[in-house]
Amino acid sequence: MMKEVSDTRGHSILRAASFMGVATLMSRVLGLIREQVFAIMFGAGNFMDAFNVAFRIPNLLRDLFAEGAMSASLVPTFTRACAEEGERRGWRVAGLVFRVLFLSVSLLAVIGIFFAPELVSLYASAFKQIPGKFELTVRMTRIIFPFFPLVALAAAFMGILNARGKFFMPAFSSALFNMASIIVGVGCAKLFYTYGQSWGIQPIEGMAYGVLAGGLVQALSQLPLLYRTGYHWEPARPEDPVWHRDPHLRKMLLMMVPGTIGLAATQINILVNTVLATSQGTGAVSWLNYSFRLMQFPIGIFGVSLAAATLPKVSQLWVHKDVNGIRDTLTQSLKHVFAINLPASAGLAFLGYPIIELIFQYGRFYPEDTRATAMALAMYSVGLAAYSSVKVLVPACYAVGNTRVPVVSSALSVGLTICLNLVMIGPFGFWGLALGTSIAALFNATYLLFALRKILHAAEGNLPFQPIIKAFGQQLLLAMAMGIGCWFSYNALNTLLPDRILVDAFGRHAIPFSRGLKVTLLVIEGIIIVALLARIFRVRDTTDAIELFSRKFKKKLSRGQT
């Protein structure tokens, strides 16, 4: 009976994650198209280095104040308010959060615009050595900063919608962000290519305006569903506390404080890495950024999706004191993380070069950029499953009311990352930063897992490690077998089907088709290898995921036929 309940919970989390994963897949594909546009138009030179630093500053603040601690504390607070005091109070709390968040981060954005030169100096003082690079970074930082309050509000909307069981549209809003940033950004860049010189504007600044447009679209696109779900303006009633004394709002803000401190430690880590990367010469910042974006693809599709689907579930189970339910939910979520992310990690590590060659190596993105980006991607891939596990485990800590553990874990992992990167950058260069970050992510996930086990044990529950370790070992073996097999196949395909065969027959326009054909064959081979090995060795987590997506695909086909 207990096993049936556990399976049901696992399937419900997987279904919710799959809905969000479909939308996130669209977002990540468009995100890759966006990065491809950057690579073709601007390569990996000074312009892209400047844009990446300019975008990183407000984006890190978004991670610090919005999508991290705020989202993890908002969902359990809203869930608790609805369960204990009714729907009206829950929506009242949600409205207060929206207003307080938007006003506070807007003030931070104004401060950031005013002190943009100082912020860029902090992150990339090495840019001053190249004429015009520092000044361009400052201008784009000021253009992008208003994106911060818009996307912070979008993250709050997403948290509330996830708490109400709505996963597709909030995730799809990120796809709309990428779509708007591409259309507006490319349009402005083309305009600045023609007229920018007379205006004193570089074409890359058009992409900064695209980011701003994307943030606006991401926030506004969620409002219709939010209103249909039940949100509306809830004026204060005589029995309501004064807004700044609302216990739910204050409790959420108190939950945010340690989480923000923990994330601040992470930002220190990113600051150190950025400074170290800028010291590695032109292109290093961009190579790390391109590789990190590719590594984020599987994390965004499944890691973030699973975390968003798990958080409301764990919050509800904690409110009802169902510790065994929390145990089953976390165990199943981690198994699903391993089933998807370990094969994806092996695929990116072994096939990074052909993937990057297919996506980016056009225009001003050269073969040496591909080799450097592939090396960084392989190092980031070492920690891919750990990154996704952390996305599940940190919100779970918030859901059970513990904010101290994520702070301690974050601080320890950041200290470890900085030490490793300072040691590794000497012998290994820029890709040593990626490897150090991955090792620290493995430590972070392990620490959080032990801490959650201790928390559940104190609540008279348990989180057994044996099924988690067994699942990790099984998926790691499947992933390595797949990666090695695909690597040998790639070398064979390069010998049997070099690009020049199609180029000689159809011209240079056949290059993307030749590369795409090889990558497609390798991806299909990888899926087949994993599926066959999972069947042979009865790795149920993989077969469950395959069967779920197969049923959804067949259902879509049957609807299309009718």
Protein backbone atom coordinates (compact mmCIF):
# COMPACT_ATOMS: atom_id res chain seq x y z
CA MET A 1 0.00 0.00 0.00
CA MET A 2 2.81 2.40 0.97
CA LYS A 3 4.61 1.65 -2.31
CA GLU A 4 1.43 2.47 -4.27
CA VAL A 5 1.14 5.83 -2.48
CA SER A 6 4.81 6.55 -3.18
CA ASP A 7 4.38 5.69 -6.86
CA THR A 8 1.31 7.91 -7.08
CA ARG A 9 3.17 10.83 -5.58
CA GLY A 10 6.11 10.23 -7.89
CA HIS A 11 3.88 10.18 -10.96
CA SER A 12 2.01 13.34 -9.87
CA ILE A 13 5.29 15.22 -9.44
CA LEU A 14 6.55 13.86 -12.77
CA ARG A 15 3.33 14.89 -14.53
CA ALA A 16 3.49 18.41 -13.10
CA ALA A 17 7.17 18.66 -14.03
CA SER A 18 6.42 17.39 -17.55
CA PHE A 19 3.84 20.15 -18.15
CA MET A 20 6.33 22.74 -16.97
CA GLY A 21 9.13 20.98 -18.82
CA VAL A 22 7.34 21.32 -22.18
CA ALA A 23 6.99 25.07 -21.69
CA THR A 24 10.53 25.36 -20.40
CA LEU A 25 11.78 23.38 -23.40
CA MET A 26 10.26 26.02 -25.67
CA SER A 27 11.95 28.70 -23.57
CA ARG A 28 15.33 26.98 -23.67
CA VAL A 29 15.14 26.41 -27.42
CA LEU A 30 14.37 30.09 -27.94
CA GLY A 31 17.12 30.91 -25.47
CA LEU A 32 19.57 28.92 -27.56
CA ILE A 33 18.35 30.72 -30.67
CA ARG A 34 18.97 33.99 -28.83
CA GLU A 35 22.52 32.91 -27.97
CA GLN A 36 22.98 31.76 -31.56
CA VAL A 37 21.98 35.22 -32.78
CA PHE A 38 24.57 36.71 -30.42
CA ALA A 39 27.25 34.32 -31.69
CA ILE A 40 26.54 35.00 -35.37
CA MET A 41 26.27 38.79 -35.01
CA PHE A 42 28.92 39.47 -32.38
CA GLY A 43 31.01 36.28 -31.88
CA ALA A 44 32.93 35.98 -28.60
CA GLY A 45 34.85 39.25 -28.65
CA ASN A 46 34.85 42.52 -26.76
CA PHE A 47 31.24 43.43 -27.57
CA MET A 48 29.91 40.14 -26.19
CA ASP A 49 32.15 40.32 -23.13
CA ALA A 50 30.70 43.79 -22.43
CA PHE A 51 27.10 42.62 -22.89
CA ASN A 52 27.57 39.55 -20.68
CA VAL A 53 28.91 41.61 -17.79
CA ALA A 54 26.22 44.28 -18.25
CA PHE A 55 23.47 41.65 -18.23
CA ARG A 56 25.02 39.74 -15.34
CA ILE A 57 24.81 42.61 -12.83
CA PRO A 58 20.97 43.09 -12.77
CA ASN A 59 20.45 39.39 -13.42
CA LEU A 60 22.41 38.50 -10.29
CA LEU A 61 20.28 40.92 -8.30
CA ARG A 62 17.21 39.18 -9.74
CA ASP A 63 18.57 35.85 -8.50
CA LEU A 64 19.36 37.36 -5.11
CA PHE A 65 16.09 39.15 -4.34
CA ALA A 66 13.51 37.49 -6.58
CA GLU A 67 13.82 34.03 -8.02
CA GLY A 68 15.84 32.59 -5.15
CA ALA A 69 14.87 33.35 -1.57
CA MET A 70 11.64 35.18 -2.45
CA SER A 71 10.14 32.37 -4.53
CA ALA A 72 11.12 29.70 -2.01
CA SER A 73 9.53 31.62 0.88
CA LEU A 74 6.46 32.93 -1.01
CA VAL A 75 4.96 29.57 -2.00
CA PRO A 76 4.81 28.04 1.52
CA THR A 77 3.64 31.37 3.00
CA PHE A 78 0.79 31.69 0.48
CA THR A 79 -0.13 28.01 0.89
CA ARG A 80 -0.23 28.37 4.68
CA ALA A 81 -2.31 31.59 4.55
CA CYS A 82 -4.92 29.93 2.31
CA ALA A 83 -5.04 26.76 4.44
CA GLU A 84 -5.27 28.52 7.81
CA GLU A 85 -7.27 31.70 7.09
CA GLY A 86 -9.01 31.14 3.77
CA GLU A 87 -8.65 32.22 0.17
CA ARG A 88 -9.25 35.94 0.74
CA ARG A 89 -6.37 36.25 3.19
CA GLY A 90 -4.14 34.28 0.86
CA TRP A 91 -4.79 36.65 -2.03
CA ARG A 92 -4.41 39.64 0.30
CA VAL A 93 -0.93 38.39 1.23
CA ALA A 94 -0.08 37.78 -2.45
CA GLY A 95 -1.05 41.35 -3.34
CA LEU A 96 1.05 42.77 -0.51
CA VAL A 97 4.04 40.76 -1.71
CA PHE A 98 3.63 42.01 -5.27
CA ARG A 99 3.52 45.66 -4.19
CA VAL A 100 6.32 45.50 -1.62
CA LEU A 101 8.57 43.53 -3.96
CA PHE A 102 8.06 45.81 -6.96
CA LEU A 103 8.64 49.03 -5.02
CA SER A 104 11.73 47.76 -3.21
CA VAL A 105 13.46 46.31 -6.28
CA SER A 106 12.57 49.39 -8.34
CA LEU A 107 14.44 51.49 -5.79
CA LEU A 108 17.42 49.13 -6.08
CA ALA A 109 17.27 49.46 -9.88
CA VAL A 110 17.43 53.26 -9.64
CA ILE A 111 20.45 52.99 -7.33
CA GLY A 112 22.05 50.50 -9.74
CA ILE A 113 21.60 52.86 -12.70
CA PHE A 114 23.17 55.73 -10.75
CA PHE A 115 26.16 53.67 -9.57
CA ALA A 116 26.64 51.66 -12.79
CA PRO A 117 30.29 52.77 -13.30
CA GLU A 118 31.22 51.61 -9.81
CA LEU A 119 29.43 48.26 -10.26
CA VAL A 120 31.15 47.59 -13.58
CA SER A 121 34.50 48.52 -12.02
CA LEU A 122 33.82 45.98 -9.30
CA TYR A 123 33.06 43.21 -11.80
CA ALA A 124 35.29 43.99 -14.74
CA SER A 125 37.94 46.58 -14.00
CA ALA A 126 40.15 44.82 -16.58
CA PHE A 127 37.84 46.21 -19.30
CA LYS A 128 39.39 49.66 -18.76
CA GLN A 129 42.52 48.42 -20.51
CA ILE A 130 40.63 48.19 -23.84
CA PRO A 131 39.48 51.57 -25.23
CA GLY A 132 35.68 51.96 -25.12
CA LYS A 133 34.93 48.52 -23.62
CA PHE A 134 34.34 49.76 -20.07
CA GLU A 135 32.16 52.70 -21.20
CA LEU A 136 30.06 50.41 -23.43
CA THR A 137 29.50 48.03 -20.50
CA VAL A 138 28.34 50.91 -18.30
CA ARG A 139 25.86 52.15 -20.92
CA MET A 140 24.34 48.69 -21.40
CA THR A 141 24.16 48.13 -17.64
CA ARG A 142 22.03 51.25 -17.32
CA ILE A 143 19.79 50.16 -20.20
CA ILE A 144 19.22 46.69 -18.75
CA PHE A 145 18.68 47.62 -15.07
CA PRO A 146 14.90 48.33 -15.39
CA PHE A 147 14.61 44.67 -16.45
CA PHE A 148 15.29 43.76 -12.79
CA PRO A 149 11.96 44.90 -11.22
CA LEU A 150 9.98 43.55 -14.17
CA VAL A 151 11.43 40.06 -14.00
CA ALA A 152 11.26 40.06 -10.17
CA LEU A 153 7.52 40.68 -10.42
CA ALA A 154 7.27 37.93 -13.04
CA ALA A 155 8.98 35.53 -10.60
CA ALA A 156 6.43 36.41 -7.90
CA PHE A 157 3.56 35.77 -10.33
CA MET A 158 5.13 32.42 -11.22
CA GLY A 159 5.42 31.42 -7.55
CA ILE A 160 1.74 32.09 -6.84
CA LEU A 161 0.59 30.33 -10.01
CA ASN A 162 2.73 27.28 -9.18
CA ALA A 163 1.18 27.23 -5.69
CA ARG A 164 -2.25 27.09 -7.39
CA GLY A 165 -1.16 24.16 -9.59
CA LYS A 166 -0.53 26.23 -12.74
CA PHE A 167 2.82 25.33 -14.29
CA PHE A 168 2.67 25.66 -18.07
CA MET A 169 2.01 29.39 -18.59
CA PRO A 170 4.47 30.65 -15.94
CA ALA A 171 7.22 28.58 -17.55
CA PHE A 172 6.10 29.61 -21.05
CA SER A 173 6.46 33.27 -20.05
CA SER A 174 10.22 32.70 -20.15
CA ALA A 175 9.84 31.60 -23.77
CA LEU A 176 8.00 34.84 -24.45
CA PHE A 177 10.89 36.71 -22.81
CA ASN A 178 13.34 35.12 -25.21
CA MET A 179 11.06 35.69 -28.19
CA ALA A 180 10.60 39.38 -27.40
CA SER A 181 14.30 39.88 -26.66
CA ILE A 182 15.23 38.32 -30.01
CA ILE A 183 12.71 40.30 -32.09
CA VAL A 184 13.26 43.66 -30.40
CA GLY A 185 16.99 43.11 -29.89
CA VAL A 186 17.75 42.13 -33.50
CA GLY A 187 15.52 44.91 -34.81
CA CYS A 188 17.31 47.53 -32.71
CA ALA A 189 20.73 46.07 -33.53
CA LYS A 190 20.01 46.27 -37.26
CA LEU A 191 18.84 49.87 -36.80
CA PHE A 192 22.02 50.74 -34.90
CA TYR A 193 24.18 49.05 -37.55
CA THR A 194 22.75 51.56 -40.03
CA TYR A 195 22.43 54.71 -37.92
CA GLY A 196 24.25 53.97 -34.68
CA GLN A 197 27.61 55.40 -35.67
CA SER A 198 26.15 58.87 -36.18
CA TRP A 199 24.27 58.54 -32.86
CA GLY A 200 27.29 57.25 -30.94
CA ILE A 201 25.57 53.87 -30.31
CA GLN A 202 27.03 50.40 -30.86
CA PRO A 203 24.83 47.69 -32.49
CA ILE A 204 25.19 45.41 -29.42
CA GLU A 205 23.24 48.00 -27.41
CA GLY A 206 20.16 46.98 -29.40
CA MET A 207 20.29 43.59 -27.70
CA ALA A 208 20.20 45.36 -24.33
CA TYR A 209 16.92 47.01 -25.33
CA GLY A 210 15.70 43.55 -26.33
CA VAL A 211 16.31 42.29 -22.76
CA LEU A 212 14.24 45.17 -21.41
CA ALA A 213 11.36 44.36 -23.77
CA GLY A 214 11.55 40.68 -22.83
CA GLY A 215 11.23 41.46 -19.12
CA LEU A 216 8.09 43.50 -19.74
CA VAL A 217 6.49 40.73 -21.81
CA GLN A 218 7.39 38.05 -19.24
CA ALA A 219 5.62 39.94 -16.45
CA LEU A 220 2.52 41.03 -18.37
CA SER A 221 1.92 37.65 -20.04
CA GLN A 222 1.14 35.97 -16.70
CA LEU A 223 -1.42 38.51 -15.49
CA PRO A 224 -4.48 37.11 -17.37
CA LEU A 225 -4.01 33.61 -15.90
CA LEU A 226 -3.34 35.09 -12.46
CA TYR A 227 -6.70 36.90 -12.54
CA ARG A 228 -8.50 33.81 -13.85
CA THR A 229 -6.98 31.77 -11.04
CA GLY A 230 -8.61 34.03 -8.46
CA TYR A 231 -6.34 36.98 -7.85
CA HIS A 232 -7.96 40.38 -7.51
CA TRP A 233 -7.39 43.53 -5.54
CA GLU A 234 -8.12 42.82 -1.89
CA PRO A 235 -8.59 46.07 0.04
CA ALA A 236 -7.84 45.99 3.73
CA ARG A 237 -10.73 45.19 6.07
CA PRO A 238 -11.06 46.44 9.65
CA GLU A 239 -9.99 43.04 10.98
CA ASP A 240 -6.88 42.98 8.76
CA PRO A 241 -3.57 44.07 10.30
CA VAL A 242 -1.78 47.13 8.92
CA TRP A 243 0.09 46.03 5.80
CA HIS A 244 3.58 46.35 7.31
CA ARG A 245 2.45 44.34 10.36
CA ASP A 246 0.78 41.54 8.42
CA PRO A 247 2.12 38.36 10.10
CA HIS A 248 2.31 36.38 6.86
CA LEU A 249 4.19 39.15 5.04
CA ARG A 250 6.56 39.61 7.96
CA LYS A 251 7.14 35.87 8.25
CA MET A 252 7.91 35.64 4.55
CA LEU A 253 10.34 38.56 4.78
CA LEU A 254 12.00 36.94 7.79
CA MET A 255 12.34 33.70 5.82
CA MET A 256 13.92 35.68 2.99
CA VAL A 257 16.64 37.24 5.17
CA PRO A 258 18.78 34.13 5.76
CA GLY A 259 18.10 32.93 2.23
CA THR A 260 19.24 36.27 0.83
CA ILE A 261 22.36 36.14 2.98
CA GLY A 262 23.09 32.68 1.60
CA LEU A 263 22.51 33.86 -1.96
CA ALA A 264 24.70 36.90 -1.27
CA ALA A 265 27.52 34.45 -0.62
CA THR A 266 26.78 32.93 -4.03
CA GLN A 267 26.98 36.37 -5.63
CA ILE A 268 30.39 36.86 -4.03
CA ASN A 269 31.42 33.63 -5.69
CA ILE A 270 30.13 34.82 -9.08
CA LEU A 271 31.84 38.17 -8.57
CA VAL A 272 35.19 36.45 -7.94
CA ASN A 273 34.69 34.18 -10.95
CA THR A 274 33.83 37.12 -13.20
CA VAL A 275 36.90 39.05 -12.09
CA LEU A 276 39.07 35.97 -12.67
CA ALA A 277 37.49 35.34 -16.10
CA THR A 278 38.06 38.94 -17.25
CA SER A 279 41.74 38.46 -16.42
CA GLN A 280 41.97 35.59 -18.94
CA GLY A 281 41.83 37.86 -21.98
CA THR A 282 39.23 38.58 -24.67
CA GLY A 283 36.64 35.84 -25.11
CA ALA A 284 36.96 34.05 -21.74
CA VAL A 285 33.82 35.64 -20.26
CA SER A 286 31.85 34.80 -23.41
CA TRP A 287 33.13 31.18 -23.64
CA LEU A 288 32.08 30.54 -20.06
CA ASN A 289 28.72 32.23 -20.68
CA TYR A 290 27.93 30.23 -23.84
CA SER A 291 28.85 26.94 -22.13
CA PHE A 292 26.89 27.79 -19.00
CA ARG A 293 23.84 28.60 -21.11
CA LEU A 294 24.05 25.18 -22.76
CA MET A 295 24.46 23.50 -19.38
CA GLN A 296 21.37 25.37 -18.15
CA PHE A 297 19.29 23.79 -20.92
CA PRO A 298 18.64 20.43 -19.19
CA ILE A 299 18.54 22.13 -15.78
CA GLY A 300 15.81 24.47 -16.98
CA ILE A 301 13.81 21.78 -18.73
CA PHE A 302 13.74 19.31 -15.88
CA GLY A 303 15.68 20.50 -12.80
CA VAL A 304 13.81 23.77 -12.37
CA SER A 305 10.55 22.14 -13.48
CA LEU A 306 10.86 19.42 -10.86
CA ALA A 307 11.73 21.98 -8.19
CA ALA A 308 8.70 24.12 -9.04
CA ALA A 309 6.43 21.05 -9.01
CA THR A 310 7.94 19.68 -5.78
CA LEU A 311 7.81 22.88 -3.70
CA PRO A 312 3.98 23.26 -3.50
CA LYS A 313 3.64 19.52 -2.84
CA VAL A 314 6.15 19.52 0.02
CA SER A 315 4.59 22.70 1.44
CA GLN A 316 1.14 21.08 1.54
CA LEU A 317 2.51 17.87 3.08
CA TRP A 318 4.37 19.83 5.77
CA VAL A 319 1.23 21.79 6.68
CA HIS A 320 -0.56 18.45 7.16
CA LYS A 321 2.44 16.95 9.06
CA ASP A 322 2.83 14.15 6.49
CA VAL A 323 6.56 13.52 6.97
CA ASN A 324 6.47 10.19 5.13
CA GLY A 325 4.87 11.92 2.18
CA ILE A 326 7.72 14.44 2.12
CA ARG A 327 10.23 11.59 2.21
CA ASP A 328 8.59 9.85 -0.75
CA THR A 329 8.24 13.08 -2.73
CA LEU A 330 11.89 14.09 -2.30
CA THR A 331 13.16 10.58 -3.06
CA GLN A 332 11.12 10.35 -6.27
CA SER A 333 12.10 13.87 -7.33
CA LEU A 334 15.81 13.14 -6.91
CA LYS A 335 15.47 9.86 -8.81
CA HIS A 336 13.86 11.73 -11.70
CA VAL A 337 16.63 14.36 -11.56
CA PHE A 338 19.25 11.61 -11.95
CA ALA A 339 17.29 9.86 -14.72
CA ILE A 340 17.30 12.96 -16.92
CA ASN A 341 20.34 14.99 -15.93
CA LEU A 342 23.04 12.34 -15.72
CA PRO A 343 22.53 11.20 -19.34
CA ALA A 344 22.29 14.86 -20.35
CA SER A 345 25.55 15.55 -18.52
CA ALA A 346 27.33 12.75 -20.36
CA GLY A 347 25.90 13.92 -23.68
CA LEU A 348 27.14 17.49 -23.18
CA ALA A 349 30.55 16.33 -21.97
CA PHE A 350 31.23 13.83 -24.78
CA LEU A 351 29.42 15.65 -27.60
CA GLY A 352 30.00 19.27 -26.61
CA TYR A 353 32.11 20.08 -29.65
CA PRO A 354 29.62 18.98 -32.36
CA ILE A 355 26.71 20.56 -30.44
CA ILE A 356 28.48 23.93 -30.11
CA GLU A 357 29.69 23.69 -33.71
CA LEU A 358 26.10 23.17 -34.87
CA ILE A 359 24.56 25.94 -32.77
CA PHE A 360 27.18 28.69 -32.68
CA GLN A 361 30.01 28.27 -35.21
CA TYR A 362 28.83 30.74 -37.85
CA GLY A 363 29.52 34.38 -38.62
CA ARG A 364 31.96 35.80 -36.08
CA PHE A 365 32.11 32.65 -33.92
CA TYR A 366 35.25 30.76 -34.97
CA PRO A 367 36.55 27.15 -34.50
CA GLU A 368 38.85 28.24 -31.65
CA ASP A 369 35.77 29.65 -29.90
CA THR A 370 34.05 26.28 -30.34
CA ARG A 371 36.99 24.38 -28.84
CA ALA A 372 37.24 26.71 -25.84
CA THR A 373 33.48 26.67 -25.21
CA ALA A 374 33.34 22.86 -25.49
CA MET A 375 36.09 22.50 -22.89
CA ALA A 376 34.25 24.77 -20.45
CA LEU A 377 31.00 22.89 -21.13
CA ALA A 378 32.61 19.54 -20.31
CA MET A 379 33.76 20.93 -16.95
CA TYR A 380 30.35 22.43 -16.14
CA SER A 381 28.69 19.12 -17.06
CA VAL A 382 30.45 17.39 -14.16
CA GLY A 383 28.12 19.18 -11.77
CA LEU A 384 24.93 19.23 -13.85
CA ALA A 385 23.02 16.65 -11.79
CA ALA A 386 24.16 18.39 -8.60
CA TYR A 387 22.89 21.77 -9.84
CA SER A 388 19.47 20.25 -10.53
CA SER A 389 19.41 18.45 -7.17
CA VAL A 390 20.12 21.73 -5.37
CA LYS A 391 17.17 23.29 -7.25
CA VAL A 392 14.96 20.65 -5.58
CA LEU A 393 16.58 20.49 -2.14
CA VAL A 394 16.86 24.20 -1.29
CA PRO A 395 13.12 24.95 -1.78
CA ALA A 396 12.36 21.78 0.18
CA CYS A 397 14.27 23.26 3.13
CA TYR A 398 12.13 26.40 2.90
CA ALA A 399 8.96 24.33 2.62
CA VAL A 400 9.69 22.58 5.93
CA GLY A 401 10.45 25.94 7.57
CA ASN A 402 14.26 25.66 7.76
CA THR A 403 16.14 28.66 6.35
CA ARG A 404 19.43 28.10 8.19
CA VAL A 405 20.56 25.02 6.27
CA PRO A 406 20.55 26.67 2.79
CA VAL A 407 22.53 29.61 4.21
CA VAL A 408 25.22 27.40 5.75
CA SER A 409 25.36 25.17 2.69
CA SER A 410 25.64 28.13 0.33
CA ALA A 411 28.36 29.80 2.39
CA LEU A 412 30.43 26.60 2.60
CA SER A 413 30.09 25.80 -1.11
CA VAL A 414 30.97 29.38 -2.06
CA GLY A 415 34.09 29.30 0.09
CA LEU A 416 35.04 25.98 -1.49
CA THR A 417 34.41 27.33 -5.01
CA ILE A 418 36.57 30.40 -4.46
CA CYS A 419 39.42 28.33 -3.06
CA LEU A 420 39.24 25.80 -5.89
CA ASN A 421 39.02 28.46 -8.59
CA LEU A 422 41.96 30.44 -7.22
CA VAL A 423 44.00 27.24 -7.26
CA MET A 424 42.78 25.91 -10.64
CA ILE A 425 42.90 29.05 -12.77
CA GLY A 426 46.71 29.00 -12.74
CA PRO A 427 47.31 25.55 -14.28
CA PHE A 428 44.02 25.20 -16.21
CA GLY A 429 43.00 28.74 -17.19
CA PHE A 430 39.38 29.78 -17.71
CA TRP A 431 37.96 26.23 -17.75
CA GLY A 432 39.35 25.63 -14.26
CA LEU A 433 36.64 28.06 -13.08
CA ALA A 434 33.95 25.78 -14.53
CA LEU A 435 35.45 22.67 -12.94
CA GLY A 436 35.79 24.31 -9.52
CA THR A 437 32.18 25.45 -9.68
CA SER A 438 31.01 21.91 -10.51
CA ILE A 439 32.94 20.32 -7.64
CA ALA A 440 31.44 22.83 -5.22
CA ALA A 441 27.95 22.06 -6.58
CA LEU A 442 28.48 18.36 -5.80
CA PHE A 443 29.44 19.29 -2.25
CA ASN A 444 26.40 21.59 -1.93
CA ALA A 445 23.93 18.90 -3.02
CA THR A 446 25.48 16.32 -0.68
CA TYR A 447 25.38 18.68 2.31
CA LEU A 448 21.73 19.60 1.68
CA LEU A 449 20.75 15.94 1.39
CA PHE A 450 22.33 15.08 4.75
CA ALA A 451 20.76 18.16 6.35
CA LEU A 452 17.26 17.31 5.09
CA ARG A 453 17.65 13.78 6.36
CA LYS A 454 18.44 15.20 9.80
CA ILE A 455 15.43 17.58 9.63
CA LEU A 456 13.02 14.78 8.75
CA HIS A 457 14.52 12.53 11.42
CA ALA A 458 13.84 15.24 14.02
CA ALA A 459 10.21 15.30 12.81
CA GLU A 460 9.99 11.54 13.45
CA GLY A 461 10.48 10.70 9.81
CA ASN A 462 13.32 9.38 7.68
CA LEU A 463 15.06 9.94 4.35
CA PRO A 464 16.87 6.69 3.47
CA PHE A 465 19.99 7.11 1.35
CA GLN A 466 20.09 3.61 -0.12
CA PRO A 467 17.47 4.09 -2.87
CA ILE A 468 18.94 7.51 -3.75
CA ILE A 469 22.52 6.18 -3.99
CA LYS A 470 21.33 3.13 -5.95
CA ALA A 471 19.44 5.33 -8.43
CA PHE A 472 22.47 7.62 -8.83
CA GLY A 473 24.79 4.68 -9.49
CA GLN A 474 22.45 3.11 -12.04
CA GLN A 475 21.93 6.34 -13.94
CA LEU A 476 25.66 7.15 -13.89
CA LEU A 477 26.48 3.79 -15.50
CA LEU A 478 23.78 4.29 -18.15
CA ALA A 479 25.05 7.81 -18.83
CA MET A 480 28.70 6.79 -19.19
CA ALA A 481 27.82 3.92 -21.52
CA MET A 482 25.74 6.29 -23.64
CA GLY A 483 28.42 9.01 -23.69
CA ILE A 484 31.25 6.68 -24.67
CA GLY A 485 29.14 4.99 -27.35
CA CYS A 486 28.10 8.33 -28.87
CA TRP A 487 31.68 9.62 -28.79
CA PHE A 488 32.92 6.68 -30.83
CA SER A 489 29.98 7.13 -33.21
CA TYR A 490 30.80 10.83 -33.66
CA ASN A 491 34.38 10.02 -34.70
CA ALA A 492 33.07 7.37 -37.10
CA LEU A 493 30.54 9.81 -38.61
CA ASN A 494 33.24 12.43 -39.11
CA THR A 495 35.24 9.87 -41.08
CA LEU A 496 32.33 8.47 -43.10
CA LEU A 497 30.36 11.71 -43.57
CA PRO A 498 32.65 14.78 -43.46
CA ASP A 499 31.02 18.17 -44.04
CA ARG A 500 32.88 18.63 -47.33
CA ILE A 501 30.78 15.89 -49.01
CA LEU A 502 27.57 17.90 -48.75
CA VAL A 503 29.42 21.21 -49.24
CA ASP A 504 30.87 19.97 -52.54
CA ALA A 505 27.40 18.88 -53.67
CA PHE A 506 25.23 21.76 -52.40
CA GLY A 507 27.56 24.59 -51.38
CA ARG A 508 28.34 26.15 -48.00
CA HIS A 509 24.65 26.45 -47.11
CA ALA A 510 24.71 22.68 -46.54
CA ILE A 511 27.06 23.01 -43.53
CA PRO A 512 24.27 23.45 -40.92
CA PHE A 513 22.39 20.51 -42.45
CA SER A 514 25.49 18.28 -42.34
CA ARG A 515 26.23 19.19 -38.73
CA GLY A 516 22.58 18.90 -37.74
CA LEU A 517 22.27 15.48 -39.34
CA LYS A 518 25.20 14.13 -37.33
CA VAL A 519 24.03 15.63 -34.03
CA THR A 520 20.49 14.33 -34.63
CA LEU A 521 21.77 10.81 -35.31
CA LEU A 522 23.91 10.94 -32.17
CA VAL A 523 21.03 12.18 -29.98
CA ILE A 524 18.75 9.42 -31.29
CA GLU A 525 21.51 6.89 -30.66
CA GLY A 526 21.94 8.19 -27.11
CA ILE A 527 18.21 7.92 -26.36
CA ILE A 528 18.12 4.38 -27.77
CA ILE A 529 21.15 3.30 -25.71
CA VAL A 530 19.67 4.66 -22.49
CA ALA A 531 16.23 3.19 -23.20
CA LEU A 532 17.60 -0.26 -24.07
CA LEU A 533 19.94 -0.43 -21.08
CA ALA A 534 17.14 0.76 -18.80
CA ARG A 535 14.91 -2.06 -20.10
CA ILE A 536 17.64 -4.67 -19.84
CA PHE A 537 18.68 -3.74 -16.30
CA ARG A 538 15.14 -2.73 -15.21
CA VAL A 539 15.97 0.83 -14.21
CA ARG A 540 12.41 1.82 -13.40
CA ASP A 541 12.88 5.60 -13.02
CA THR A 542 14.09 5.87 -16.61
CA THR A 543 11.39 3.59 -18.00
CA ASP A 544 8.69 5.50 -16.06
CA ALA A 545 9.82 8.79 -17.58
CA ILE A 546 9.98 7.30 -21.09
CA GLU A 547 6.51 5.73 -20.74
CA LEU A 548 5.00 8.98 -19.45
CA PHE A 549 6.32 11.05 -22.35
CA SER A 550 5.39 8.28 -24.81
CA ARG A 551 1.79 8.30 -23.56
CA LYS A 552 1.62 12.06 -23.88
CA PHE A 553 3.05 11.90 -27.39
CA LYS A 554 0.59 9.20 -28.46
CA LYS A 555 -2.30 11.16 -26.96
CA LYS A 556 -1.26 14.22 -28.96
CA LEU A 557 -1.11 12.10 -32.12
CA SER A 558 -4.54 10.56 -31.48
CA ARG A 559 -6.05 14.02 -30.97
CA GLY A 560 -4.50 15.16 -34.19
CA GLN A 561 -5.99 12.19 -36.04
CA THR A 562 -9.46 12.85 -34.71
